Protein backbone atom coordinates (compact mmCIF):
# COMPACT_ATOMS: atom_id res chain seq x y z
CA UNK A 1 52.97 -40.46 78.80
CA UNK A 2 56.29 -38.83 77.85
CA UNK A 3 59.44 -37.69 79.55
CA UNK A 4 58.58 -34.67 81.76
CA UNK A 5 60.63 -32.45 84.18
CA UNK A 6 58.66 -31.45 87.30
CA UNK A 7 59.51 -28.67 89.99
CA UNK A 8 57.79 -28.58 93.38
CA UNK A 9 57.92 -25.73 95.79
CA UNK A 10 56.91 -26.36 99.46
CA UNK A 11 55.99 -23.61 102.07
CA UNK A 12 55.84 -24.18 105.73
CA UNK A 13 53.74 -22.40 108.39
CA UNK A 14 56.34 -19.80 108.87
CA UNK A 15 56.40 -18.81 105.23
CA UNK A 16 59.70 -20.51 104.53
CA UNK A 17 60.03 -22.19 101.17
CA UNK A 18 61.99 -24.89 99.59
CA UNK A 19 62.27 -26.14 95.97
CA UNK A 20 62.93 -29.61 94.48
CA UNK A 21 62.70 -31.06 91.01
CA UNK A 22 62.36 -34.41 89.41
CA UNK A 23 62.93 -35.58 85.82
CA UNK A 24 60.56 -38.48 85.02
CA UNK A 25 61.65 -40.78 82.16
CA UNK A 26 59.14 -43.03 80.51
CA UNK A 27 60.76 -46.47 80.34
CA UNK A 28 59.55 -48.64 77.46
CA UNK A 29 58.01 -51.97 78.41
CA UNK A 30 60.00 -54.98 77.36
CA UNK A 31 59.24 -56.15 73.84
CA UNK A 32 58.13 -59.69 73.34
CA UNK A 33 56.60 -60.75 70.00
CA UNK A 34 53.08 -62.19 70.12
CA UNK A 35 53.11 -65.99 69.82
CA UNK A 36 50.71 -68.79 69.43
CA UNK A 37 51.53 -72.24 68.58
CA UNK A 38 49.04 -74.27 66.47
CA UNK A 39 50.04 -77.86 65.84
CA UNK A 40 48.40 -81.23 65.15
CA UNK A 41 49.27 -84.54 66.83
CA UNK A 42 47.98 -88.02 66.50
CA UNK A 43 45.45 -89.19 69.07
CA UNK A 44 47.00 -90.65 72.28
CA UNK A 45 50.44 -89.09 71.51
CA UNK A 46 52.47 -86.65 73.62
CA UNK A 47 53.98 -83.60 72.07
CA UNK A 48 56.99 -81.51 73.10
CA UNK A 49 56.34 -77.77 72.11
CA UNK A 50 58.75 -74.91 72.39
CA UNK A 51 56.70 -71.98 73.64
CA UNK A 52 58.87 -69.34 71.97
CA UNK A 53 61.94 -68.94 69.83
CA UNK A 54 62.62 -65.43 71.13
CA UNK A 55 66.21 -64.69 72.21
CA UNK A 56 66.99 -64.40 75.93
CA UNK A 57 67.86 -60.93 77.09
CA UNK A 58 70.02 -60.84 80.18
CA UNK A 59 68.47 -57.75 81.88
CA UNK A 60 65.06 -59.12 81.52
CA UNK A 61 63.41 -61.63 83.75
CA UNK A 62 61.04 -64.30 82.49
CA UNK A 63 58.26 -66.16 84.18
CA UNK A 64 55.91 -68.59 82.63
CA UNK A 65 52.64 -69.26 84.41
CA UNK A 66 51.67 -71.94 85.13
CA UNK A 67 54.83 -73.96 85.41
CA UNK A 68 53.06 -77.32 84.79
CA UNK A 69 54.79 -79.57 82.25
CA UNK A 70 57.49 -77.02 81.57
CA UNK A 71 61.20 -77.82 81.56
CA UNK A 72 62.31 -74.36 82.65
CA UNK A 73 59.66 -71.69 83.35
CA UNK A 74 62.28 -68.92 83.51
CA UNK A 75 63.51 -68.83 79.94
CA UNK A 76 61.59 -67.58 76.89
CA UNK A 77 62.08 -70.88 75.01
CA UNK A 78 60.57 -73.14 77.64
CA UNK A 79 59.51 -76.52 76.37
CA UNK A 80 56.07 -77.85 77.26
CA UNK A 81 55.36 -81.63 77.24
CA UNK A 82 51.65 -81.96 76.63
CA UNK A 83 49.00 -84.24 75.06
CA UNK A 84 46.08 -81.77 74.95
CA UNK A 85 45.63 -78.01 74.26
CA UNK A 86 46.95 -75.60 76.92
CA UNK A 87 47.54 -71.86 77.61
CA UNK A 88 50.65 -70.30 79.16
CA UNK A 89 51.25 -66.68 80.20
CA UNK A 90 54.75 -65.19 80.02
CA UNK A 91 55.57 -62.17 82.19
CA UNK A 92 58.70 -60.37 81.01
CA UNK A 93 60.10 -57.75 83.50
CA UNK A 94 62.82 -55.14 82.84
CA UNK A 95 65.20 -53.82 85.38
CA UNK A 96 63.00 -50.78 85.83
CA UNK A 97 60.15 -53.06 86.72
CA UNK A 98 58.19 -52.59 83.45
CA UNK A 99 56.43 -55.68 82.38
CA UNK A 100 55.07 -57.14 79.25
CA UNK A 101 52.57 -59.93 79.43
CA UNK A 102 52.14 -62.39 76.59
CA UNK A 103 49.69 -65.33 76.41
CA UNK A 104 50.67 -68.40 74.39
CA UNK A 105 47.89 -70.67 73.27
CA UNK A 106 48.91 -74.16 72.19
CA UNK A 107 46.07 -75.61 70.23
CA UNK A 108 46.34 -79.23 69.61
CA UNK A 109 44.05 -80.71 67.07
CA UNK A 110 44.04 -84.46 67.37
CA UNK A 111 44.39 -86.18 64.06
CA UNK A 112 41.32 -88.38 64.08
CA UNK A 113 41.61 -91.26 61.71
CA UNK A 114 38.14 -92.57 61.32
CA UNK A 115 37.93 -96.19 60.30
CA UNK A 116 34.71 -98.06 60.11
CA UNK A 117 34.20 -101.44 58.49
CA UNK A 118 30.70 -102.68 57.93
CA UNK A 119 29.75 -105.95 59.58
CA UNK A 120 29.33 -108.81 57.15
CA UNK A 121 27.91 -112.25 56.93
CA UNK A 122 29.02 -114.86 54.40
CA UNK A 123 27.25 -117.80 52.72
CA UNK A 124 29.24 -121.10 52.72
CA UNK A 125 31.62 -121.08 49.87
CA UNK A 126 30.82 -117.66 48.71
CA UNK A 127 33.19 -114.54 48.97
CA UNK A 128 32.59 -111.29 50.70
CA UNK A 129 34.69 -108.14 50.39
CA UNK A 130 35.70 -106.04 53.37
CA UNK A 131 36.51 -102.40 52.59
CA UNK A 132 38.71 -100.18 54.85
CA UNK A 133 37.85 -97.05 52.86
CA UNK A 134 39.93 -94.89 50.58
CA UNK A 135 42.26 -92.10 51.27
CA UNK A 136 44.79 -93.63 53.64
CA UNK A 137 48.55 -93.90 52.96
CA UNK A 138 48.89 -97.50 53.86
CA UNK A 139 46.84 -100.58 54.85
CA UNK A 140 47.81 -103.72 56.68
CA UNK A 141 45.22 -106.48 57.16
CA UNK A 142 45.49 -109.30 59.73
CA UNK A 143 46.53 -111.77 57.01
CA UNK A 144 49.40 -109.47 55.87
CA UNK A 145 47.70 -108.14 52.73
CA UNK A 146 48.18 -104.43 51.99
CA UNK A 147 45.26 -103.56 49.84
CA UNK A 148 42.33 -101.31 50.54
CA UNK A 149 39.96 -104.32 50.37
CA UNK A 150 40.18 -107.82 51.55
CA UNK A 151 38.07 -110.66 50.07
CA UNK A 152 37.37 -113.54 52.37
CA UNK A 153 35.50 -116.86 52.01
CA UNK A 154 35.56 -118.08 55.57
CA UNK A 155 33.87 -116.72 58.72
CA UNK A 156 36.01 -115.24 61.47
CA UNK A 157 37.49 -112.05 62.83
CA UNK A 158 39.49 -109.86 60.55
CA UNK A 159 41.29 -106.63 61.42
CA UNK A 160 43.14 -103.81 59.49
CA UNK A 161 45.60 -101.05 60.51
CA UNK A 162 45.48 -97.94 58.33
CA UNK A 163 48.04 -95.04 58.29
CA UNK A 164 47.11 -91.47 57.64
CA UNK A 165 48.69 -90.17 54.47
CA UNK A 166 49.71 -86.74 55.95
CA UNK A 167 50.59 -87.28 59.63
CA UNK A 168 51.38 -90.94 59.72
CA UNK A 169 48.71 -91.56 62.44
CA UNK A 170 47.46 -95.10 62.69
CA UNK A 171 44.00 -96.39 63.34
CA UNK A 172 42.87 -99.96 63.77
CA UNK A 173 39.45 -101.68 63.26
CA UNK A 174 38.15 -105.17 63.31
CA UNK A 175 35.09 -106.84 62.00
CA UNK A 176 33.63 -110.35 62.66
CA UNK A 177 32.30 -112.12 59.56
CA UNK A 178 29.47 -114.37 60.58
CA UNK A 179 28.45 -117.51 58.72
CA UNK A 180 24.96 -117.64 57.39
CA UNK A 181 23.19 -121.00 57.39
CA UNK A 182 23.33 -122.89 54.11
CA UNK A 183 19.93 -124.21 53.06
CA UNK A 184 19.61 -127.93 52.84
CA UNK A 185 16.51 -128.66 50.79
CA UNK A 186 14.76 -132.02 50.69
CA UNK A 187 12.38 -133.23 47.94
CA UNK A 188 9.16 -135.06 48.85
CA UNK A 189 7.02 -136.99 46.37
CA UNK A 190 6.87 -140.35 44.59
CA UNK A 191 10.01 -141.02 42.71
CA UNK A 192 8.33 -143.12 40.03
CA UNK A 193 5.25 -143.02 37.85
CA UNK A 194 3.50 -145.42 35.61
CA UNK A 195 3.62 -144.96 31.82
CA UNK A 196 1.12 -142.24 30.80
CA UNK A 197 1.08 -140.83 34.35
CA UNK A 198 3.00 -138.36 36.36
CA UNK A 199 4.38 -137.58 39.86
CA UNK A 200 4.73 -134.35 41.75
CA UNK A 201 7.94 -133.32 43.44
CA UNK A 202 7.82 -130.74 46.28
CA UNK A 203 10.40 -128.99 48.42
CA UNK A 204 9.57 -129.90 51.92
CA UNK A 205 10.86 -126.69 53.48
CA UNK A 206 9.94 -123.00 52.89
CA UNK A 207 12.49 -120.77 51.23
CA UNK A 208 12.55 -117.41 49.52
CA UNK A 209 13.23 -118.71 46.05
CA UNK A 210 13.18 -121.96 44.14
CA UNK A 211 14.70 -122.90 40.73
CA UNK A 212 14.28 -126.36 39.28
CA UNK A 213 16.51 -127.82 36.72
CA UNK A 214 13.83 -127.28 34.01
CA UNK A 215 13.40 -123.66 34.99
CA UNK A 216 10.28 -123.86 37.06
CA UNK A 217 10.39 -121.27 40.00
CA UNK A 218 7.59 -122.80 42.20
CA UNK A 219 8.25 -125.10 45.21
CA UNK A 220 6.56 -128.00 43.30
CA UNK A 221 7.33 -129.66 39.96
CA UNK A 222 5.18 -132.10 38.00
CA UNK A 223 7.11 -134.77 36.26
CA UNK A 224 6.03 -137.12 33.53
CA UNK A 225 9.44 -137.94 32.09
CA UNK A 226 11.97 -140.18 33.71
CA UNK A 227 15.41 -138.66 34.60
CA UNK A 228 17.22 -136.67 37.31
CA UNK A 229 15.67 -133.45 38.67
CA UNK A 230 17.44 -130.96 40.81
CA UNK A 231 16.28 -127.82 42.62
CA UNK A 232 18.35 -124.80 43.94
CA UNK A 233 16.78 -122.83 46.69
CA UNK A 234 17.67 -119.46 48.30
CA UNK A 235 17.04 -118.65 51.93
CA UNK A 236 16.41 -115.27 53.71
CA UNK A 237 20.19 -114.57 53.80
CA UNK A 238 20.68 -115.06 50.07
CA UNK A 239 22.44 -118.34 50.58
CA UNK A 240 21.76 -121.16 48.11
CA UNK A 241 21.64 -124.90 48.44
CA UNK A 242 20.84 -127.72 46.05
CA UNK A 243 19.57 -131.25 45.94
CA UNK A 244 18.55 -133.78 43.24
CA UNK A 245 16.52 -136.89 42.91
CA UNK A 246 16.04 -139.49 40.12
CA UNK A 247 12.61 -140.23 38.93
CA UNK A 248 11.77 -143.56 37.17
CA UNK A 249 9.08 -144.59 34.79
CA UNK A 250 7.28 -147.75 35.63
CA UNK A 251 6.23 -149.39 32.39
CA UNK A 252 2.71 -150.73 32.41
CA UNK A 253 1.05 -152.48 29.45
CA UNK A 254 -1.27 -150.18 27.62
CA UNK A 255 -3.88 -152.98 27.32
CA UNK A 256 -4.72 -156.40 28.69
CA UNK A 257 -6.46 -159.41 26.99
CA UNK A 258 -8.05 -161.92 29.27
CA UNK A 259 -7.21 -165.58 28.90
CA UNK A 260 -10.63 -166.73 29.94
CA UNK A 261 -14.30 -165.48 30.23
CA UNK A 262 -17.65 -166.90 31.37
CA UNK A 263 -20.70 -165.52 29.36
CA UNK A 264 -23.32 -166.75 31.86
CA UNK A 265 -25.00 -163.37 32.48
CA UNK A 266 -23.90 -163.18 36.10
CA UNK A 267 -22.57 -159.75 35.48
CA UNK A 268 -18.91 -160.90 36.06
CA UNK A 269 -16.60 -161.39 33.10
CA UNK A 270 -19.45 -162.08 30.64
CA UNK A 271 -17.75 -160.58 27.64
CA UNK A 272 -14.29 -160.91 25.96
CA UNK A 273 -12.28 -158.22 24.30
CA UNK A 274 -9.40 -155.74 24.71
CA UNK A 275 -9.28 -154.13 28.15
CA UNK A 276 -7.51 -150.87 27.25
CA UNK A 277 -5.90 -148.18 29.16
CA UNK A 278 -5.95 -144.49 28.51
CA UNK A 279 -3.09 -144.76 26.13
CA UNK A 280 -5.09 -146.84 23.62
CA UNK A 281 -7.14 -145.00 21.10
CA UNK A 282 -8.82 -148.06 19.35
CA UNK A 283 -8.62 -151.85 19.00
CA UNK A 284 -9.66 -154.56 16.54
CA UNK A 285 -10.09 -158.34 17.47
CA UNK A 286 -11.17 -161.41 15.70
CA UNK A 287 -11.94 -164.90 17.42
CA UNK A 288 -11.70 -168.30 15.72
CA UNK A 289 -12.84 -171.72 16.87
CA UNK A 290 -10.56 -174.72 16.72
CA UNK A 291 -11.48 -175.43 13.14
CA UNK A 292 -10.56 -171.97 12.06
CA UNK A 293 -13.97 -170.56 11.70
CA UNK A 294 -14.34 -166.85 12.64
CA UNK A 295 -16.94 -166.68 15.39
CA UNK A 296 -16.39 -162.93 16.31
CA UNK A 297 -15.00 -159.80 14.79
CA UNK A 298 -14.81 -156.44 16.79
CA UNK A 299 -14.14 -153.37 14.57
CA UNK A 300 -13.53 -150.93 17.40
CA UNK A 301 -12.58 -150.99 21.08
CA UNK A 302 -16.22 -150.97 22.21
CA UNK A 303 -17.24 -154.22 20.46
CA UNK A 304 -16.89 -157.24 22.77
CA UNK A 305 -17.64 -160.93 22.18
CA UNK A 306 -20.55 -162.32 24.30
CA UNK A 307 -19.85 -166.00 23.54
CA UNK A 308 -22.42 -166.32 20.91
CA UNK A 309 -22.08 -167.03 17.07
CA UNK A 310 -25.07 -166.70 14.77
CA UNK A 311 -27.36 -166.36 17.71
CA UNK A 312 -26.26 -169.50 19.41
CA UNK A 313 -24.01 -170.05 22.40
CA UNK A 314 -20.60 -171.32 21.43
CA UNK A 315 -19.27 -174.52 22.95
CA UNK A 316 -17.04 -174.54 25.97
CA UNK A 317 -13.37 -174.68 25.10
CA UNK A 318 -10.43 -172.84 23.79
CA UNK A 319 -10.56 -170.23 21.00
CA UNK A 320 -7.85 -168.41 19.12
CA UNK A 321 -7.81 -164.66 18.80
CA UNK A 322 -5.75 -161.99 16.91
CA UNK A 323 -5.98 -158.24 16.35
CA UNK A 324 -4.28 -154.96 16.86
CA UNK A 325 -4.43 -151.83 18.99
CA UNK A 326 -3.76 -148.30 18.05
CA UNK A 327 -2.15 -146.16 20.72
CA UNK A 328 -2.87 -142.47 21.25
CA UNK A 329 0.59 -141.58 19.97
CA UNK A 330 -0.26 -143.21 16.57
CA UNK A 331 1.60 -146.45 17.10
CA UNK A 332 -0.01 -149.79 16.18
CA UNK A 333 0.59 -153.04 17.99
CA UNK A 334 -0.52 -156.50 16.89
CA UNK A 335 -1.45 -159.40 19.21
CA UNK A 336 -2.66 -162.94 19.21
CA UNK A 337 -3.35 -165.75 21.72
CA UNK A 338 -5.93 -168.14 23.26
CA UNK A 339 -8.93 -167.62 25.41
CA UNK A 340 -11.04 -170.17 27.22
CA UNK A 341 -14.81 -169.93 27.18
CA UNK A 342 -16.21 -171.38 30.42
CA UNK A 343 -19.65 -171.19 32.11
């Protein structure tokens, strides 16, 4: 382990001796600094790495093992062209045959740029925003925009290329924006109603939500006022669609006064008076003969003329009537005309 002087004496079979000596020097192994190369490259790239920056010593010999991907395996500063982590061993030998062995580990950590864009679906005419995620140095969408997000209103395929802020590595992702179906509701029901009545409008299809123009949120709407009525529906995808119809009011007289009656006790048209609908609250009527004599007076809607006056049947012929009706809304209407008594 240190320089030592040795003497050896040899004796043969005859007793003769001889002496020799040797001076053993301890030669130092060649010095080579420990090295490791840690670096980071972008995925799918090839890197040139100099394995050492140590100076070349002329009375040393160098041998890198293995020689794969090296430009010169017999110099300390050999350059490795690699795309993944690798290990190389350098054997340095002095003139005295002493060796130093050094292992160089090239650890390549691929820069993984993770880019995920959530799939999306779009309702007709409504926007959706695609987000490439924050933290990148640059963005470039397929339409040329350079923001983190992209708002689209049409279905189709969209892509974006992002650049890592530190290493400059790129990553690309694409997403297909599908088109959700637009609901097309139809309204069933009578589009008219008689005065005092109503009609029911119903959405023929089934949807997740309904909103009529008057705020009703059921699939049906009862209408008793003329006008336009619309409904907006929402389907399972959140898309909306609308339609509208116009409802008309059919005016029908609130009451009818016959022009003839036959009081012959046959059970058909035996009495005369106001035939009132549900919108009439009360009625009064007076009947006169051709000479102006009052032959009947009804004070309410239930009183009808049976063709008699003072207990006697009136003559066949034409009589004059006049009166008024009171509607349920409080309005009063007057009327007059002729009625024919027949048997």
